[in-house]
């Protein structure tokens, strides 16, 4: 009887820990960068994710395209925990570099769109 109670207690503690910690587990976060009409001039897109709450949590990714081949929407699946982030998007073309910074809330299961077309 004591063994069954111990197993039940262990299971309850494990379930509680999971539900408490699960928001901190990395998840696939779907992010779209909308280049729009700027797409034909863009040859590189760099995205930098910085957590608003954890200064050590940073991720960078770059996409390179031949001139005239960048899509109007650049899609990225970031592996990050849910939460608030500052996303810096840098687009490079032949003659210019445009940097935009956005505060976003990433939540697994939804798509976040960042507009940089203007």
PDB file of N, CA and C in Angstrom:
ATOM      1  N   UNK A   1       0.820  -1.183   0.000  1.00  0.00           N
ATOM      2  CA  UNK A   1       0.000   0.000   0.000  1.00  0.00           C
ATOM      3  C   UNK A   1       0.877   1.266   0.000  1.00  0.00           C
ATOM      4  N   UNK A   2       1.972   1.241   0.789  1.00  0.00           N
ATOM      5  CA  UNK A   2       2.859   2.398   0.826  1.00  0.00           C
ATOM      6  C   UNK A   2       3.514   2.617  -0.537  1.00  0.00           C
ATOM      7  N   UNK A   3       3.817   1.518  -1.220  1.00  0.00           N
ATOM      8  CA  UNK A   3       4.453   1.625  -2.533  1.00  0.00           C
ATOM      9  C   UNK A   3       3.516   2.308  -3.533  1.00  0.00           C
ATOM     10  N   UNK A   4       2.255   1.980  -3.522  1.00  0.00           N
ATOM     11  CA  UNK A   4       1.284   2.603  -4.422  1.00  0.00           C
ATOM     12  C   UNK A   4       1.163   4.097  -4.122  1.00  0.00           C
ATOM     13  N   UNK A   5       1.157   4.461  -2.858  1.00  0.00           N
ATOM     14  CA  UNK A   5       1.088   5.865  -2.478  1.00  0.00           C
ATOM     15  C   UNK A   5       2.325   6.626  -2.918  1.00  0.00           C
ATOM     16  N   UNK A   6       3.498   5.988  -2.793  1.00  0.00           N
ATOM     17  CA  UNK A   6       4.745   6.622  -3.218  1.00  0.00           C
ATOM     18  C   UNK A   6       4.760   6.830  -4.722  1.00  0.00           C
ATOM     19  N   UNK A   7       4.273   5.844  -5.480  1.00  0.00           N
ATOM     20  CA  UNK A   7       4.212   5.974  -6.933  1.00  0.00           C
ATOM     21  C   UNK A   7       3.239   7.077  -7.346  1.00  0.00           C
ATOM     22  N   UNK A   8       2.125   7.156  -6.665  1.00  0.00           N
ATOM     23  CA  UNK A   8       1.140   8.193  -6.954  1.00  0.00           C
ATOM     24  C   UNK A   8       1.722   9.586  -6.659  1.00  0.00           C
ATOM     25  N   UNK A   9       2.399   9.709  -5.539  1.00  0.00           N
ATOM     26  CA  UNK A   9       3.033  10.975  -5.178  1.00  0.00           C
ATOM     27  C   UNK A   9       4.119  11.352  -6.190  1.00  0.00           C
ATOM     28  N   UNK A  10       4.934  10.375  -6.585  1.00  0.00           N
ATOM     29  CA  UNK A  10       5.988  10.608  -7.567  1.00  0.00           C
ATOM     30  C   UNK A  10       5.385  11.072  -8.901  1.00  0.00           C
ATOM     31  N   UNK A  11       4.312  10.437  -9.329  1.00  0.00           N
ATOM     32  CA  UNK A  11       3.633  10.812 -10.566  1.00  0.00           C
ATOM     33  C   UNK A  11       3.063  12.221 -10.490  1.00  0.00           C
ATOM     34  N   UNK A  12       2.474  12.568  -9.340  1.00  0.00           N
ATOM     35  CA  UNK A  12       1.894  13.908  -9.171  1.00  0.00           C
ATOM     36  C   UNK A  12       2.986  14.972  -9.183  1.00  0.00           C
ATOM     37  N   UNK A  13       4.106  14.715  -8.536  1.00  0.00           N
ATOM     38  CA  UNK A  13       5.220  15.672  -8.533  1.00  0.00           C
ATOM     39  C   UNK A  13       5.792  15.814  -9.944  1.00  0.00           C
ATOM     40  N   UNK A  14       5.921  14.705 -10.660  1.00  0.00           N
ATOM     41  CA  UNK A  14       6.432  14.752 -12.032  1.00  0.00           C
ATOM     42  C   UNK A  14       5.511  15.546 -12.950  1.00  0.00           C
ATOM     43  N   UNK A  15       4.212  15.320 -12.850  1.00  0.00           N
ATOM     44  CA  UNK A  15       3.250  16.050 -13.676  1.00  0.00           C
ATOM     45  C   UNK A  15       3.273  17.540 -13.333  1.00  0.00           C
ATOM     46  N   UNK A  16       3.351  17.869 -12.059  1.00  0.00           N
ATOM     47  CA  UNK A  16       3.412  19.274 -11.649  1.00  0.00           C
ATOM     48  C   UNK A  16       4.664  19.951 -12.180  1.00  0.00           C
ATOM     49  N   UNK A  17       5.802  19.261 -12.102  1.00  0.00           N
ATOM     50  CA  UNK A  17       7.059  19.826 -12.608  1.00  0.00           C
ATOM     51  C   UNK A  17       6.979  20.049 -14.115  1.00  0.00           C
ATOM     52  N   UNK A  18       6.382  19.086 -14.825  1.00  0.00           N
ATOM     53  CA  UNK A  18       6.252  19.228 -16.272  1.00  0.00           C
ATOM     54  C   UNK A  18       5.429  20.470 -16.623  1.00  0.00           C
ATOM     55  N   UNK A  19       4.258  20.626 -16.005  1.00  0.00           N
ATOM     56  CA  UNK A  19       3.400  21.755 -16.329  1.00  0.00           C
ATOM     57  C   UNK A  19       4.002  23.091 -15.887  1.00  0.00           C
ATOM     58  N   UNK A  20       4.828  23.065 -14.856  1.00  0.00           N
ATOM     59  CA  UNK A  20       5.504  24.280 -14.408  1.00  0.00           C
ATOM     60  C   UNK A  20       6.637  24.659 -15.358  1.00  0.00           C
ATOM     61  N   UNK A  21       7.397  23.663 -15.807  1.00  0.00           N
ATOM     62  CA  UNK A  21       8.585  23.925 -16.623  1.00  0.00           C
ATOM     63  C   UNK A  21       8.324  23.936 -18.121  1.00  0.00           C
ATOM     64  N   UNK A  22       7.227  23.351 -18.588  1.00  0.00           N
ATOM     65  CA  UNK A  22       7.016  23.200 -20.031  1.00  0.00           C
ATOM     66  C   UNK A  22       7.033  24.517 -20.812  1.00  0.00           C
ATOM     67  N   UNK A  23       6.564  25.646 -20.269  1.00  0.00           N
ATOM     68  CA  UNK A  23       6.681  26.881 -21.060  1.00  0.00           C
ATOM     69  C   UNK A  23       8.129  27.276 -21.342  1.00  0.00           C
ATOM     70  N   UNK A  24       9.070  26.768 -20.568  1.00  0.00           N
ATOM     71  CA  UNK A  24      10.488  27.106 -20.761  1.00  0.00           C
ATOM     72  C   UNK A  24      11.184  26.177 -21.736  1.00  0.00           C
ATOM     73  N   UNK A  25      10.526  25.078 -22.126  1.00  0.00           N
ATOM     74  CA  UNK A  25      11.122  24.141 -23.068  1.00  0.00           C
ATOM     75  C   UNK A  25      11.117  24.757 -24.467  1.00  0.00           C
ATOM     76  N   UNK A  26      12.192  24.575 -25.234  1.00  0.00           N
ATOM     77  CA  UNK A  26      12.195  25.083 -26.608  1.00  0.00           C
ATOM     78  C   UNK A  26      11.113  24.407 -27.448  1.00  0.00           C
ATOM     79  N   UNK A  27      10.506  25.202 -28.322  1.00  0.00           N
ATOM     80  CA  UNK A  27       9.474  24.719 -29.235  1.00  0.00           C
ATOM     81  C   UNK A  27       9.758  25.303 -30.612  1.00  0.00           C
ATOM     82  N   UNK A  28       9.139  24.728 -31.617  1.00  0.00           N
ATOM     83  CA  UNK A  28       9.252  25.304 -32.954  1.00  0.00           C
ATOM     84  C   UNK A  28       8.404  26.566 -33.011  1.00  0.00           C
ATOM     85  N   UNK A  29       9.041  27.670 -33.325  1.00  0.00           N
ATOM     86  CA  UNK A  29       8.370  28.966 -33.441  1.00  0.00           C
ATOM     87  C   UNK A  29       8.404  29.376 -34.919  1.00  0.00           C
ATOM     88  N   UNK A  30       7.262  29.594 -35.488  1.00  0.00           N
ATOM     89  CA  UNK A  30       7.150  29.934 -36.897  1.00  0.00           C
ATOM     90  C   UNK A  30       7.183  31.461 -37.068  1.00  0.00           C
ATOM     91  N   UNK A  31       8.191  31.945 -37.808  1.00  0.00           N
ATOM     92  CA  UNK A  31       8.364  33.384 -38.013  1.00  0.00           C
ATOM     93  C   UNK A  31       8.461  33.667 -39.511  1.00  0.00           C
ATOM     94  N   UNK A  32       7.657  34.606 -39.979  1.00  0.00           N
ATOM     95  CA  UNK A  32       7.701  35.051 -41.373  1.00  0.00           C
ATOM     96  C   UNK A  32       8.204  36.490 -41.430  1.00  0.00           C
ATOM     97  N   UNK A  33       9.209  36.728 -42.267  1.00  0.00           N
ATOM     98  CA  UNK A  33       9.694  38.078 -42.526  1.00  0.00           C
ATOM     99  C   UNK A  33       9.157  38.476 -43.892  1.00  0.00           C
ATOM    100  N   UNK A  34       8.326  39.506 -43.905  1.00  0.00           N
ATOM    101  CA  UNK A  34       7.685  39.949 -45.141  1.00  0.00           C
ATOM    102  C   UNK A  34       8.564  41.007 -45.807  1.00  0.00           C
ATOM    103  N   UNK A  35       9.180  40.625 -46.929  1.00  0.00           N
ATOM    104  CA  UNK A  35      10.009  41.552 -47.701  1.00  0.00           C
ATOM    105  C   UNK A  35       9.167  42.362 -48.676  1.00  0.00           C
ATOM    106  N   UNK A  36       8.084  41.803 -49.120  1.00  0.00           N
ATOM    107  CA  UNK A  36       7.190  42.496 -50.034  1.00  0.00           C
ATOM    108  C   UNK A  36       7.885  42.931 -51.315  1.00  0.00           C
ATOM    109  N   UNK A  37       7.649  44.171 -51.707  1.00  0.00           N
ATOM    110  CA  UNK A  37       8.203  44.702 -52.956  1.00  0.00           C
ATOM    111  C   UNK A  37       9.720  44.854 -52.933  1.00  0.00           C
ATOM    112  N   UNK A  38      10.331  44.792 -51.758  1.00  0.00           N
ATOM    113  CA  UNK A  38      11.794  44.895 -51.661  1.00  0.00           C
ATOM    114  C   UNK A  38      12.489  43.595 -52.059  1.00  0.00           C
ATOM    115  N   UNK A  39      11.756  42.498 -52.135  1.00  0.00           N
ATOM    116  CA  UNK A  39      12.352  41.180 -52.362  1.00  0.00           C
ATOM    117  C   UNK A  39      13.338  41.123 -53.532  1.00  0.00           C
ATOM    118  N   UNK A  40      13.044  41.696 -54.698  1.00  0.00           N
ATOM    119  CA  UNK A  40      13.992  41.580 -55.814  1.00  0.00           C
ATOM    120  C   UNK A  40      15.361  42.209 -55.542  1.00  0.00           C
ATOM    121  N   UNK A  41      15.431  43.184 -54.643  1.00  0.00           N
ATOM    122  CA  UNK A  41      16.706  43.841 -54.346  1.00  0.00           C
ATOM    123  C   UNK A  41      17.475  43.159 -53.209  1.00  0.00           C
ATOM    124  N   UNK A  42      16.820  42.287 -52.440  1.00  0.00           N
ATOM    125  CA  UNK A  42      17.435  41.692 -51.250  1.00  0.00           C
ATOM    126  C   UNK A  42      18.278  40.481 -51.635  1.00  0.00           C
ATOM    127  N   UNK A  43      19.514  40.461 -51.117  1.00  0.00           N
ATOM    128  CA  UNK A  43      20.404  39.316 -51.343  1.00  0.00           C
ATOM    129  C   UNK A  43      20.721  38.567 -50.054  1.00  0.00           C
ATOM    130  N   UNK A  44      20.412  39.168 -48.898  1.00  0.00           N
ATOM    131  CA  UNK A  44      20.673  38.497 -47.620  1.00  0.00           C
ATOM    132  C   UNK A  44      19.703  39.007 -46.550  1.00  0.00           C
ATOM    133  N   UNK A  45      19.210  38.073 -45.753  1.00  0.00           N
ATOM    134  CA  UNK A  45      18.366  38.397 -44.602  1.00  0.00           C
ATOM    135  C   UNK A  45      19.000  37.750 -43.381  1.00  0.00           C
ATOM    136  N   UNK A  46      19.278  38.554 -42.360  1.00  0.00           N
ATOM    137  CA  UNK A  46      19.815  38.042 -41.095  1.00  0.00           C
ATOM    138  C   UNK A  46      18.815  38.359 -39.997  1.00  0.00           C
ATOM    139  N   UNK A  47      18.506  37.343 -39.194  1.00  0.00           N
ATOM    140  CA  UNK A  47      17.578  37.514 -38.073  1.00  0.00           C
ATOM    141  C   UNK A  47      18.328  37.215 -36.781  1.00  0.00           C
ATOM    142  N   UNK A  48      18.161  38.100 -35.809  1.00  0.00           N
ATOM    143  CA  UNK A  48      18.765  37.909 -34.487  1.00  0.00           C
ATOM    144  C   UNK A  48      17.651  37.934 -33.456  1.00  0.00           C
ATOM    145  N   UNK A  49      17.520  36.836 -32.723  1.00  0.00           N
ATOM    146  CA  UNK A  49      16.515  36.722 -31.662  1.00  0.00           C
ATOM    147  C   UNK A  49      17.204  36.950 -30.325  1.00  0.00           C
ATOM    148  N   UNK A  50      16.659  37.822 -29.491  1.00  0.00           N
ATOM    149  CA  UNK A  50      17.185  38.056 -28.143  1.00  0.00           C
ATOM    150  C   UNK A  50      16.011  38.009 -27.176  1.00  0.00           C
ATOM    151  N   UNK A  51      16.134  37.180 -26.154  1.00  0.00           N
ATOM    152  CA  UNK A  51      15.076  37.057 -25.159  1.00  0.00           C
ATOM    153  C   UNK A  51      14.997  38.323 -24.319  1.00  0.00           C
ATOM    154  N   UNK A  52      13.773  38.733 -24.025  1.00  0.00           N
ATOM    155  CA  UNK A  52      13.578  39.904 -23.163  1.00  0.00           C
ATOM    156  C   UNK A  52      13.865  39.590 -21.705  1.00  0.00           C
ATOM    157  N   UNK A  53      13.831  38.302 -21.346  1.00  0.00           N
ATOM    158  CA  UNK A  53      13.991  37.930 -19.944  1.00  0.00           C
ATOM    159  C   UNK A  53      15.301  37.203 -19.647  1.00  0.00           C
ATOM    160  N   UNK A  54      15.937  36.622 -20.647  1.00  0.00           N
ATOM    161  CA  UNK A  54      17.161  35.852 -20.435  1.00  0.00           C
ATOM    162  C   UNK A  54      18.258  36.424 -21.334  1.00  0.00           C
ATOM    163  N   UNK A  55      19.172  37.202 -20.753  1.00  0.00           N
ATOM    164  CA  UNK A  55      20.196  37.893 -21.555  1.00  0.00           C
ATOM    165  C   UNK A  55      21.136  36.922 -22.271  1.00  0.00           C
ATOM    166  N   UNK A  56      21.228  35.690 -21.800  1.00  0.00           N
ATOM    167  CA  UNK A  56      22.100  34.710 -22.437  1.00  0.00           C
ATOM    168  C   UNK A  56      21.444  34.004 -23.618  1.00  0.00           C
ATOM    169  N   UNK A  57      20.133  34.169 -23.788  1.00  0.00           N
ATOM    170  CA  UNK A  57      19.414  33.474 -24.850  1.00  0.00           C
ATOM    171  C   UNK A  57      19.394  34.320 -26.113  1.00  0.00           C
ATOM    172  N   UNK A  58      20.239  33.936 -27.069  1.00  0.00           N
ATOM    173  CA  UNK A  58      20.323  34.637 -28.356  1.00  0.00           C
ATOM    174  C   UNK A  58      20.466  33.592 -29.458  1.00  0.00           C
ATOM    175  N   UNK A  59      19.830  33.866 -30.573  1.00  0.00           N
ATOM    176  CA  UNK A  59      19.938  32.999 -31.747  1.00  0.00           C
ATOM    177  C   UNK A  59      20.086  33.885 -32.975  1.00  0.00           C
ATOM    178  N   UNK A  60      20.903  33.458 -33.925  1.00  0.00           N
ATOM    179  CA  UNK A  60      21.090  34.171 -35.183  1.00  0.00           C
ATOM    180  C   UNK A  60      20.902  33.194 -36.336  1.00  0.00           C
ATOM    181  N   UNK A  61      20.362  33.701 -37.433  1.00  0.00           N
ATOM    182  CA  UNK A  61      20.241  32.900 -38.651  1.00  0.00           C
ATOM    183  C   UNK A  61      20.343  33.844 -39.844  1.00  0.00           C
ATOM    184  N   UNK A  62      20.984  33.370 -40.911  1.00  0.00           N
ATOM    185  CA  UNK A  62      21.110  34.172 -42.134  1.00  0.00           C
ATOM    186  C   UNK A  62      20.651  33.358 -43.332  1.00  0.00           C
ATOM    187  N   UNK A  63      20.025  34.050 -44.263  1.00  0.00           N
ATOM    188  CA  UNK A  63      19.592  33.457 -45.523  1.00  0.00           C
ATOM    189  C   UNK A  63      20.206  34.283 -46.641  1.00  0.00           C
ATOM    190  N   UNK A  64      20.798  33.608 -47.622  1.00  0.00           N
ATOM    191  CA  UNK A  64      21.407  34.309 -48.757  1.00  0.00           C
ATOM    192  C   UNK A  64      20.669  33.921 -50.037  1.00  0.00           C
ATOM    193  N   UNK A  65      20.512  34.906 -50.917  1.00  0.00           N
ATOM    194  CA  UNK A  65      19.778  34.700 -52.161  1.00  0.00           C
ATOM    195  C   UNK A  65      20.546  35.325 -53.313  1.00  0.00           C
ATOM    196  N   UNK A  66      20.418  34.723 -54.475  1.00  0.00           N
ATOM    197  CA  UNK A  66      20.934  35.367 -55.680  1.00  0.00           C
ATOM    198  C   UNK A  66      20.079  36.593 -55.951  1.00  0.00           C
ATOM    199  N   UNK A  67      20.673  37.574 -56.595  1.00  0.00           N
ATOM    200  CA  UNK A  67      19.933  38.812 -56.889  1.00  0.00           C
ATOM    201  C   UNK A  67      18.655  38.480 -57.669  1.00  0.00           C
ATOM    202  N   UNK A  68      17.550  39.029 -57.181  1.00  0.00           N
ATOM    203  CA  UNK A  68      16.262  38.816 -57.823  1.00  0.00           C
ATOM    204  C   UNK A  68      15.573  37.519 -57.447  1.00  0.00           C
ATOM    205  N   UNK A  69      16.171  36.706 -56.572  1.00  0.00           N
ATOM    206  CA  UNK A  69      15.617  35.388 -56.226  1.00  0.00           C
ATOM    207  C   UNK A  69      15.044  35.306 -54.811  1.00  0.00           C
ATOM    208  N   UNK A  70      15.122  36.370 -54.024  1.00  0.00           N
ATOM    209  CA  UNK A  70      14.583  36.323 -52.656  1.00  0.00           C
ATOM    210  C   UNK A  70      13.059  36.243 -52.723  1.00  0.00           C
ATOM    211  N   UNK A  71      12.452  35.411 -51.887  1.00  0.00           N
ATOM    212  CA  UNK A  71      10.987  35.340 -51.866  1.00  0.00           C
ATOM    213  C   UNK A  71      10.404  36.581 -51.194  1.00  0.00           C
ATOM    214  N   UNK A  72       9.142  36.844 -51.440  1.00  0.00           N
ATOM    215  CA  UNK A  72       8.473  37.982 -50.805  1.00  0.00           C
ATOM    216  C   UNK A  72       8.320  37.753 -49.300  1.00  0.00           C
ATOM    217  N   UNK A  73       8.255  36.489 -48.900  1.00  0.00           N
ATOM    218  CA  UNK A  73       8.146  36.136 -47.484  1.00  0.00           C
ATOM    219  C   UNK A  73       9.219  35.097 -47.169  1.00  0.00           C
ATOM    220  N   UNK A  74      10.108  35.427 -46.228  1.00  0.00           N
ATOM    221  CA  UNK A  74      11.154  34.505 -45.780  1.00  0.00           C
ATOM    222  C   UNK A  74      10.645  33.827 -44.518  1.00  0.00           C
ATOM    223  N   UNK A  75      10.585  32.490 -44.549  1.00  0.00           N
ATOM    224  CA  UNK A  75      10.048  31.724 -43.424  1.00  0.00           C
ATOM    225  C   UNK A  75      11.195  31.098 -42.622  1.00  0.00           C
ATOM    226  N   UNK A  76      11.074  31.160 -41.295  1.00  0.00           N
ATOM    227  CA  UNK A  76      12.064  30.535 -40.420  1.00  0.00           C
ATOM    228  C   UNK A  76      11.364  29.821 -39.274  1.00  0.00           C
ATOM    229  N   UNK A  77      11.789  28.602 -38.993  1.00  0.00           N
ATOM    230  CA  UNK A  77      11.310  27.844 -37.835  1.00  0.00           C
ATOM    231  C   UNK A  77      12.392  27.944 -36.765  1.00  0.00           C
ATOM    232  N   UNK A  78      12.195  28.821 -35.808  1.00  0.00           N
ATOM    233  CA  UNK A  78      13.164  29.007 -34.724  1.00  0.00           C
ATOM    234  C   UNK A  78      12.839  28.024 -33.598  1.00  0.00           C
ATOM    235  N   UNK A  79      13.842  27.445 -33.000  1.00  0.00           N
ATOM    236  CA  UNK A  79      13.657  26.520 -31.865  1.00  0.00           C
ATOM    237  C   UNK A  79      13.932  27.313 -30.593  1.00  0.00           C
ATOM    238  N   UNK A  80      12.870  27.914 -30.035  1.00  0.00           N
ATOM    239  CA  UNK A  80      12.983  28.788 -28.869  1.00  0.00           C
ATOM    240  C   UNK A  80      11.814  28.537 -27.922  1.00  0.00           C
ATOM    241  N   UNK A  81      12.030  28.857 -26.663  1.00  0.00           N
ATOM    242  CA  UNK A  81      10.952  28.769 -25.675  1.00  0.00           C
ATOM    243  C   UNK A  81       9.939  29.882 -25.940  1.00  0.00           C
ATOM    244  N   UNK A  82       8.702  29.653 -25.539  1.00  0.00           N
ATOM    245  CA  UNK A  82       7.691  30.707 -25.632  1.00  0.00           C
ATOM    246  C   UNK A  82       8.158  31.912 -24.823  1.00  0.00           C
ATOM    247  N   UNK A  83       7.793  33.102 -25.284  1.00  0.00           N
ATOM    248  CA  UNK A  83       8.128  34.293 -24.513  1.00  0.00           C
ATOM    249  C   UNK A  83       8.290  35.522 -25.376  1.00  0.00           C
ATOM    250  N   UNK A  84       8.708  36.598 -24.735  1.00  0.00           N
ATOM    251  CA  UNK A  84       8.917  37.879 -25.394  1.00  0.00           C
ATOM    252  C   UNK A  84      10.352  37.964 -25.903  1.00  0.00           C
ATOM    253  N   UNK A  85      10.488  38.420 -27.149  1.00  0.00           N
ATOM    254  CA  UNK A  85      11.794  38.523 -27.793  1.00  0.00           C
ATOM    255  C   UNK A  85      11.903  39.851 -28.529  1.00  0.00           C
ATOM    256  N   UNK A  86      13.134  40.289 -28.695  1.00  0.00           N
ATOM    257  CA  UNK A  86      13.435  41.391 -29.608  1.00  0.00           C
ATOM    258  C   UNK A  86      14.087  40.724 -30.813  1.00  0.00           C
ATOM    259  N   UNK A  87      13.451  40.898 -31.971  1.00  0.00           N
ATOM    260  CA  UNK A  87      13.969  40.307 -33.200  1.00  0.00           C
ATOM    261  C   UNK A  87      14.503  41.441 -34.064  1.00  0.00           C
ATOM    262  N   UNK A  88      15.777  41.344 -34.407  1.00  0.00           N
ATOM    263  CA  UNK A  88      16.409  42.311 -35.295  1.00  0.00           C
ATOM    264  C   UNK A  88      16.534  41.653 -36.661  1.00  0.00           C
ATOM    265  N   UNK A  89      15.975  42.292 -37.667  1.00  0.00           N
ATOM    266  CA  UNK A  89      16.028  41.780 -39.029  1.00  0.00           C
ATOM    267  C   UNK A  89      16.852  42.752 -39.860  1.00  0.00           C
ATOM    268  N   UNK A  90      17.923  42.223 -40.440  1.00  0.00           N
ATOM    269  CA  UNK A  90      18.790  43.024 -41.297  1.00  0.00           C
ATOM    270  C   UNK A  90      18.678  42.486 -42.720  1.00  0.00           C
ATOM    271  N   UNK A  91      18.323  43.368 -43.652  1.00  0.00           N
ATOM    272  CA  UNK A  91      18.260  42.972 -45.053  1.00  0.00           C
ATOM    273  C   UNK A  91      19.351  43.708 -45.808  1.00  0.00           C
ATOM    274  N   UNK A  92      20.035  42.968 -46.666  1.00  0.00           N
ATOM    275  CA  UNK A  92      21.111  43.543 -47.476  1.00  0.00           C
ATOM    276  C   UNK A  92      20.755  43.415 -48.947  1.00  0.00           C
ATOM    277  N   UNK A  93      21.094  44.458 -49.666  1.00  0.00           N
ATOM    278  CA  UNK A  93      20.941  44.457 -51.115  1.00  0.00           C
ATOM    279  C   UNK A  93      22.195  44.999 -51.740  1.00  0.00           C
ATOM    280  N   UNK A  94      22.133  45.306 -53.015  1.00  0.00           N
ATOM    281  CA  UNK A  94      23.306  45.835 -53.714  1.00  0.00           C
ATOM    282  C   UNK A  94      23.800  47.140 -53.112  1.00  0.00           C
ATOM    283  N   UNK A  95      22.852  48.027 -52.810  1.00  0.00           N
ATOM    284  CA  UNK A  95      23.239  49.376 -52.413  1.00  0.00           C
ATOM    285  C   UNK A  95      22.871  49.755 -50.990  1.00  0.00           C
ATOM    286  N   UNK A  96      22.183  48.889 -50.278  1.00  0.00           N
ATOM    287  CA  UNK A  96      21.736  49.321 -48.959  1.00  0.00           C
ATOM    288  C   UNK A  96      21.661  48.170 -47.956  1.00  0.00           C
ATOM    289  N   UNK A  97      21.661  48.570 -46.708  1.00  0.00           N
ATOM    290  CA  UNK A  97      21.436  47.668 -45.585  1.00  0.00           C
ATOM    291  C   UNK A  97      20.328  48.309 -44.752  1.00  0.00           C
ATOM    292  N   UNK A  98      19.264  47.564 -44.529  1.00  0.00           N
ATOM    293  CA  UNK A  98      18.146  48.066 -43.744  1.00  0.00           C
ATOM    294  C   UNK A  98      18.013  47.179 -42.518  1.00  0.00           C
ATOM    295  N   UNK A  99      17.970  47.811 -41.345  1.00  0.00           N
ATOM    296  CA  UNK A  99      17.828  47.081 -40.091  1.00  0.00           C
ATOM    297  C   UNK A  99      16.549  47.520 -39.405  1.00  0.00           C
ATOM    298  N   UNK A 100      15.731  46.552 -39.049  1.00  0.00           N
ATOM    299  CA  UNK A 100      14.483  46.818 -38.316  1.00  0.00           C
ATOM    300  C   UNK A 100      14.479  45.946 -37.077  1.00  0.00           C
ATOM    301  N   UNK A 101      13.977  46.499 -36.001  1.00  0.00           N
ATOM    302  CA  UNK A 101      13.904  45.774 -34.739  1.00  0.00           C
ATOM    303  C   UNK A 101      12.448  45.738 -34.291  1.00  0.00           C
ATOM    304  N   UNK A 102      11.990  44.546 -33.892  1.00  0.00           N
ATOM    305  CA  UNK A 102      10.606  44.386 -33.455  1.00  0.00           C
ATOM    306  C   UNK A 102      10.562  43.594 -32.154  1.00  0.00           C
ATOM    307  N   UNK A 103       9.656  44.009 -31.279  1.00  0.00           N
ATOM    308  CA  UNK A 103       9.359  43.227 -30.075  1.00  0.00           C
ATOM    309  C   UNK A 103       8.199  42.309 -30.423  1.00  0.00           C
ATOM    310  N   UNK A 104       8.388  41.018 -30.182  1.00  0.00           N
ATOM    311  CA  UNK A 104       7.354  40.041 -30.520  1.00  0.00           C
ATOM    312  C   UNK A 104       7.174  39.061 -29.366  1.00  0.00           C
ATOM    313  N   UNK A 105       6.020  38.459 -29.338  1.00  0.00           N
ATOM    314  CA  UNK A 105       5.736  37.375 -28.384  1.00  0.00           C
ATOM    315  C   UNK A 105       5.651  36.098 -29.205  1.00  0.00           C
ATOM    316  N   UNK A 106       6.573  35.169 -28.959  1.00  0.00           N
ATOM    317  CA  UNK A 106       6.571  33.891 -29.664  1.00  0.00           C
ATOM    318  C   UNK A 106       5.830  32.868 -28.822  1.00  0.00           C
ATOM    319  N   UNK A 107       4.892  32.180 -29.459  1.00  0.00           N
ATOM    320  CA  UNK A 107       4.131  31.126 -28.797  1.00  0.00           C
ATOM    321  C   UNK A 107       4.005  29.972 -29.771  1.00  0.00           C
ATOM    322  N   UNK A 108       4.545  28.813 -29.389  1.00  0.00           N
ATOM    323  CA  UNK A 108       4.488  27.640 -30.248  1.00  0.00           C
ATOM    324  C   UNK A 108       3.071  27.387 -30.729  1.00  0.00           C
ATOM    325  N   UNK A 109       2.945  27.048 -32.007  1.00  0.00           N
ATOM    326  CA  UNK A 109       1.636  26.783 -32.575  1.00  0.00           C
ATOM    327  C   UNK A 109       1.049  27.962 -33.325  1.00  0.00           C
ATOM    328  N   UNK A 110       1.660  29.138 -33.203  1.00  0.00           N
ATOM    329  CA  UNK A 110       1.171  30.298 -33.952  1.00  0.00           C
ATOM    330  C   UNK A 110       2.319  30.846 -34.804  1.00  0.00           C
ATOM    331  N   UNK A 111       1.965  31.629 -35.810  1.00  0.00           N
ATOM    332  CA  UNK A 111       2.955  32.223 -36.704  1.00  0.00           C
ATOM    333  C   UNK A 111       3.071  33.709 -36.413  1.00  0.00           C
ATOM    334  N   UNK A 112       4.304  34.180 -36.296  1.00  0.00           N
ATOM    335  CA  UNK A 112       4.574  35.595 -36.074  1.00  0.00           C
ATOM    336  C   UNK A 112       5.067  36.200 -37.377  1.00  0.00           C
ATOM    337  N   UNK A 113       4.505  37.352 -37.769  1.00  0.00           N
ATOM    338  CA  UNK A 113       4.902  38.024 -38.985  1.00  0.00           C
ATOM    339  C   UNK A 113       5.617  39.317 -38.658  1.00  0.00           C
ATOM    340  N   UNK A 114       6.754  39.536 -39.334  1.00  0.00           N
ATOM    341  CA  UNK A 114       7.509  40.766 -39.155  1.00  0.00           C
ATOM    342  C   UNK A 114       7.607  41.437 -40.523  1.00  0.00           C
ATOM    343  N   UNK A 115       7.062  42.634 -40.617  1.00  0.00           N
ATOM    344  CA  UNK A 115       7.023  43.385 -41.869  1.00  0.00           C
ATOM    345  C   UNK A 115       8.272  44.254 -41.989  1.00  0.00           C
ATOM    346  N   UNK A 116       9.026  44.058 -43.061  1.00  0.00           N
ATOM    347  CA  UNK A 116      10.213  44.894 -43.303  1.00  0.00           C
ATOM    348  C   UNK A 116      10.193  45.467 -44.714  1.00  0.00           C
ATOM    349  N   UNK A 117       9.050  45.432 -45.350  1.00  0.00           N
ATOM    350  CA  UNK A 117       8.977  45.839 -46.758  1.00  0.00           C
ATOM    351  C   UNK A 117       9.169  47.337 -46.941  1.00  0.00           C
ATOM    352  N   UNK A 118       8.990  48.119 -45.896  1.00  0.00           N
ATOM    353  CA  UNK A 118       9.154  49.581 -46.040  1.00  0.00           C
ATOM    354  C   UNK A 118      10.195  50.099 -45.087  1.00  0.00           C
TER     355      UNK A 118
END
